[in-house]
Protein backbone atom coordinates (compact mmCIF):
# COMPACT_ATOMS: atom_id res chain seq x y z
CA UNK A 1 130.85 185.28 128.84
CA UNK A 2 133.53 185.39 125.72
CA UNK A 3 130.96 185.93 123.01
CA UNK A 4 132.32 182.84 121.22
CA UNK A 5 129.37 182.34 119.22
CA UNK A 6 130.61 185.29 116.88
CA UNK A 7 132.70 182.40 115.47
CA UNK A 8 130.51 179.29 116.04
CA UNK A 9 127.18 180.76 115.56
CA UNK A 10 127.11 180.92 111.58
CA UNK A 11 123.95 179.18 110.35
CA UNK A 12 122.98 178.68 113.89
CA UNK A 13 119.34 179.31 113.28
CA UNK A 14 119.09 177.09 110.42
CA UNK A 15 120.11 174.04 112.48
CA UNK A 16 118.98 174.80 115.95
CA UNK A 17 114.98 175.02 115.85
CA UNK A 18 113.10 174.94 118.68
CA UNK A 19 111.64 171.58 119.41
CA UNK A 20 107.88 171.91 120.32
CA UNK A 21 108.01 169.35 122.97
CA UNK A 22 110.88 171.30 124.93
CA UNK A 23 109.14 174.56 124.03
CA UNK A 24 105.93 173.30 125.84
CA UNK A 25 107.97 172.41 128.98
CA UNK A 26 109.44 175.99 129.04
CA UNK A 27 106.18 177.84 128.46
CA UNK A 28 104.46 175.68 131.15
CA UNK A 29 107.28 176.60 133.52
CA UNK A 30 107.11 180.15 133.10
CA UNK A 31 103.77 180.35 134.60
CA UNK A 32 101.17 183.48 133.92
CA UNK A 33 104.29 185.59 133.32
CA UNK A 34 103.59 188.55 131.23
CA UNK A 35 107.13 189.85 130.94
CA UNK A 36 109.94 187.68 130.58
CA UNK A 37 113.58 188.28 130.19
CA UNK A 38 115.81 185.82 128.29
CA UNK A 39 119.41 185.53 128.98
CA UNK A 40 121.78 184.25 126.47
CA UNK A 41 119.33 184.40 124.07
CA UNK A 42 121.11 183.60 120.93
CA UNK A 43 118.89 183.43 117.84
CA UNK A 44 115.52 183.27 119.49
CA UNK A 45 115.16 180.34 120.14
CA UNK A 46 112.09 179.25 122.77
CA UNK A 47 110.80 182.89 123.07
CA UNK A 48 107.39 182.84 124.07
CA UNK A 49 105.38 184.44 121.50
CA UNK A 50 102.54 185.71 123.65
CA UNK A 51 104.59 187.40 126.39
CA UNK A 52 106.53 190.71 126.40
CA UNK A 53 109.84 189.29 125.90
CA UNK A 54 113.48 191.42 126.33
CA UNK A 55 116.45 189.28 125.26
CA UNK A 56 120.17 189.86 126.06
CA UNK A 57 123.08 188.21 123.95
CA UNK A 58 126.51 188.85 123.97
CA UNK A 59 127.21 187.87 120.71
CA UNK A 60 126.90 190.00 117.51
CA UNK A 61 126.52 187.25 115.23
CA UNK A 62 123.70 185.76 116.97
CA UNK A 63 121.76 188.85 117.45
CA UNK A 64 122.54 189.29 113.57
CA UNK A 65 120.42 186.03 112.99
CA UNK A 66 117.21 186.94 115.15
CA UNK A 67 114.41 187.31 112.80
CA UNK A 68 112.84 190.64 112.43
CA UNK A 69 109.74 189.78 114.66
CA UNK A 70 112.10 188.53 117.71
CA UNK A 71 111.84 190.41 120.91
CA UNK A 72 114.06 193.60 121.13
CA UNK A 73 117.71 192.78 122.47
CA UNK A 74 120.28 194.23 124.54
CA UNK A 75 124.08 193.09 123.78
CA UNK A 76 125.18 192.38 127.09
CA UNK A 77 126.45 189.30 129.42
CA UNK A 78 124.28 187.41 131.87
CA UNK A 79 126.93 188.55 134.59
CA UNK A 80 126.14 192.18 134.28
CA UNK A 81 122.26 192.70 133.44
CA UNK A 82 121.19 196.37 132.61
CA UNK A 83 118.18 196.19 134.90
CA UNK A 84 116.28 197.11 138.19
CA UNK A 85 115.60 194.63 140.64
CA UNK A 86 112.68 192.27 140.42
CA UNK A 87 112.04 194.19 136.85
CA UNK A 88 110.74 191.06 135.24
CA UNK A 89 107.75 188.46 136.00
CA UNK A 90 109.95 185.82 134.68
CA UNK A 91 113.31 184.93 133.20
CA UNK A 92 114.73 182.12 131.42
CA UNK A 93 118.22 180.84 129.79
CA UNK A 94 118.15 178.04 127.68
CA UNK A 95 120.99 176.03 126.96
CA UNK A 96 123.09 178.79 127.91
CA UNK A 97 124.73 178.78 131.27
CA UNK A 98 127.55 176.37 130.11
CA UNK A 99 129.01 179.81 128.14
CA UNK A 100 128.91 182.02 131.35
CA UNK A 101 132.09 182.67 132.48
CA UNK A 102 130.80 183.44 135.93
CA UNK A 103 128.03 180.91 136.40
CA UNK A 104 127.30 181.67 139.95
CA UNK A 105 126.91 185.46 139.32
CA UNK A 106 125.10 185.19 136.25
CA UNK A 107 122.16 183.16 138.10
CA UNK A 108 122.38 185.46 140.88
CA UNK A 109 121.72 188.22 138.46
CA UNK A 110 118.71 186.40 137.17
CA UNK A 111 117.09 185.99 140.23
CA UNK A 112 117.82 189.68 141.14
CA UNK A 113 116.29 191.03 138.27
CA UNK A 114 113.16 188.65 138.22
CA UNK A 115 109.77 188.42 140.58
CA UNK A 116 108.76 185.03 139.83
CA UNK A 117 110.23 181.87 138.39
CA UNK A 118 113.73 181.66 136.90
CA UNK A 119 113.49 178.76 134.23
CA UNK A 120 116.85 177.14 133.10
CA UNK A 121 117.25 174.39 130.55
CA UNK A 122 120.66 173.18 131.15
CA UNK A 123 121.96 169.76 131.65
CA UNK A 124 124.04 167.61 134.08
CA UNK A 125 127.68 167.25 133.00
CA UNK A 126 127.91 163.81 133.01
CA UNK A 127 125.75 163.27 129.70
CA UNK A 128 124.60 160.03 131.19
CA UNK A 129 124.34 157.22 128.60
CA UNK A 130 125.27 159.26 125.75
CA UNK A 131 126.79 156.63 123.05
CA UNK A 132 129.03 159.18 121.44
CA UNK A 133 131.09 159.60 124.58
CA UNK A 134 132.70 156.06 123.68
CA UNK A 135 134.27 157.34 120.52
CA UNK A 136 134.66 161.23 121.85
CA UNK A 137 135.51 160.67 125.94
CA UNK A 138 136.37 164.53 126.01
CA UNK A 139 132.39 165.03 125.51
CA UNK A 140 132.11 163.58 129.29
CA UNK A 141 135.33 165.73 130.73
CA UNK A 142 134.71 169.01 129.01
CA UNK A 143 132.87 170.81 131.42
CA UNK A 144 134.19 169.52 134.50
CA UNK A 145 134.86 172.09 137.07
CA UNK A 146 133.01 174.46 135.30
CA UNK A 147 129.09 173.25 134.95
CA UNK A 148 127.66 173.82 138.27
CA UNK A 149 126.42 170.53 139.94
CA UNK A 150 122.82 170.37 140.25
CA UNK A 151 122.79 170.89 143.91
CA UNK A 152 124.21 174.67 143.12
CA UNK A 153 121.51 176.16 141.53
CA UNK A 154 119.26 176.02 144.51
CA UNK A 155 122.34 177.56 146.61
CA UNK A 156 122.40 180.49 143.82
CA UNK A 157 118.48 180.94 142.88
CA UNK A 158 116.79 179.81 146.24
CA UNK A 159 114.74 176.50 146.06
CA UNK A 160 113.93 174.83 142.96
CA UNK A 161 112.64 171.86 141.34
CA UNK A 162 114.57 170.24 138.92
CA UNK A 163 113.06 167.88 136.31
CA UNK A 164 114.57 165.66 133.66
CA UNK A 165 113.78 166.61 129.80
CA UNK A 166 113.77 163.39 127.70
CA UNK A 167 115.33 164.10 124.36
CA UNK A 168 112.92 162.99 121.52
CA UNK A 169 114.55 160.84 118.89
CA UNK A 170 113.34 163.34 116.21
CA UNK A 171 114.36 166.59 118.08
CA UNK A 172 114.60 169.57 115.47
CA UNK A 173 116.87 171.85 117.94
CA UNK A 174 120.56 170.44 117.19
CA UNK A 175 122.01 170.49 120.38
CA UNK A 176 124.26 167.91 121.43
CA UNK A 177 122.69 164.78 122.17
CA UNK A 178 119.67 165.82 119.63
CA UNK A 179 120.88 163.22 116.91
CA UNK A 180 121.14 160.40 119.23
CA UNK A 181 119.05 158.09 117.18
CA UNK A 182 120.65 159.67 113.79
CA UNK A 183 123.90 158.64 114.36
CA UNK A 184 125.10 159.63 110.72
CA UNK A 185 124.46 163.30 111.72
CA UNK A 186 127.47 163.62 113.99
CA UNK A 187 129.84 162.91 110.71
CA UNK A 188 127.98 166.01 109.06
CA UNK A 189 130.39 169.05 109.33
CA UNK A 190 127.62 171.32 108.99
CA UNK A 191 125.81 169.97 112.14
CA UNK A 192 128.76 169.94 114.27
CA UNK A 193 129.42 173.54 113.45
CA UNK A 194 126.39 174.50 115.17
CA UNK A 195 127.34 172.38 118.60
CA UNK A 196 129.81 174.28 120.96
CA UNK A 197 130.97 171.09 122.36
CA UNK A 198 133.07 170.44 119.39
CA UNK A 199 134.80 173.67 118.90
CA UNK A 200 135.72 173.42 122.33
CA UNK A 201 137.42 169.86 121.78
CA UNK A 202 139.65 170.69 119.15
CA UNK A 203 140.81 167.44 117.33
CA UNK A 204 138.71 164.98 117.63
CA UNK A 205 139.04 163.11 114.15
CA UNK A 206 139.98 159.78 115.41
CA UNK A 207 136.77 159.20 117.33
CA UNK A 208 134.97 160.38 114.06
CA UNK A 209 136.75 157.82 111.83
CA UNK A 210 135.96 155.05 114.51
CA UNK A 211 132.47 156.27 114.35
CA UNK A 212 132.50 156.26 110.83
CA UNK A 213 133.49 152.81 110.29
CA UNK A 214 131.46 151.43 112.88
CA UNK A 215 128.33 152.73 110.84
CA UNK A 216 129.76 151.27 107.64
CA UNK A 217 130.36 147.81 109.09
CA UNK A 218 127.32 147.74 111.50
CA UNK A 219 129.31 147.48 114.67
CA UNK A 220 127.65 150.65 115.65
CA UNK A 221 123.94 148.78 115.28
CA UNK A 222 125.38 145.87 117.12
CA UNK A 223 126.38 147.57 119.98
CA UNK A 224 123.63 150.42 120.08
CA UNK A 225 120.58 148.81 118.26
CA UNK A 226 118.53 148.89 121.06
CA UNK A 227 118.37 152.84 121.24
CA UNK A 228 116.33 152.74 117.49
CA UNK A 229 113.46 151.62 119.10
CA UNK A 230 113.16 154.10 121.82
CA UNK A 231 111.40 157.09 121.28
CA UNK A 232 113.01 159.53 123.57
CA UNK A 233 116.04 159.04 126.21
CA UNK A 234 117.32 160.89 129.00
CA UNK A 235 120.67 162.25 128.58
CA UNK A 236 121.01 164.33 131.55
CA UNK A 237 119.41 167.65 130.15
CA UNK A 238 117.31 169.36 132.93
CA UNK A 239 114.72 171.92 133.31
CA UNK A 240 115.43 173.73 136.25
CA UNK A 241 112.53 176.23 137.75
CA UNK A 242 112.61 178.07 140.89
CA UNK A 243 109.56 177.61 143.35
C-alpha cells in the first residue's frame, strides 16, 4: 500500500472516532480471541481494550497519532505481514482494504497468520442509495476494478459470513457515508480532509457548489427529506467474518 495517509491523515484521530455501535459488532465478531492483529490499524480505532492487540500500519503519520496507551505497532503493509503462520487468535481490518495495493495478497496474508476469525469492516463498492453520489458521481466509480466483489472474500479467506452494517444517523466515525443525515458536513473542508475518497477524486467543486445551493434553497430537503426521519440506513458497509 502507498502510505497515502502520511498526507491525508492529519487530524484523522480527531475526526474518525470509533462509533460504539460499530465497535460492538466488531467485538462480537472477534469472539473469545485473546490475541488480535489489527491490520491497517491507523490511529487505533476499534482496537479492543481487553485483548492483547498487535497493530500494523504503513503510514508514519497515522502511527504518530496513536495515543500513548494504544497497542504496539509495526510499520508495514498488509501484503507482507512479518509474523509466523497462525500467530494470532483473530485478526481485524477496519475500513482499510480499499487502500491496499494488492487486496488478494493482503487478505491471504491475514488468513495465514490467523488461527481463528478474520474480521473485516469494508463496503460494497456501489455505495447503494447514497445521495451524495448524485452530486459527485465519481464516488460510485472510484473503486471500480479495484475493490473486491463481496463474493471474492470467500475465495481469498475461506467461508465467510457477510452482514450489513447500517450506519446510524449520528455516527461518530467520520468515514464517507457517516454524515448521510447531516448534509452540511460535506461542505466542511476539515471533515472532507479525513475522508480518502475526496482526495482520490480530485476536483469536485462543481458538485459541492450544487449541494450548497440545494441546501440553501431547500431543494436537498425536498428531494431527500425522508432520510431525516430515519435512525440508520444501509449504504453498503459490510462486516465480513470467516467461519
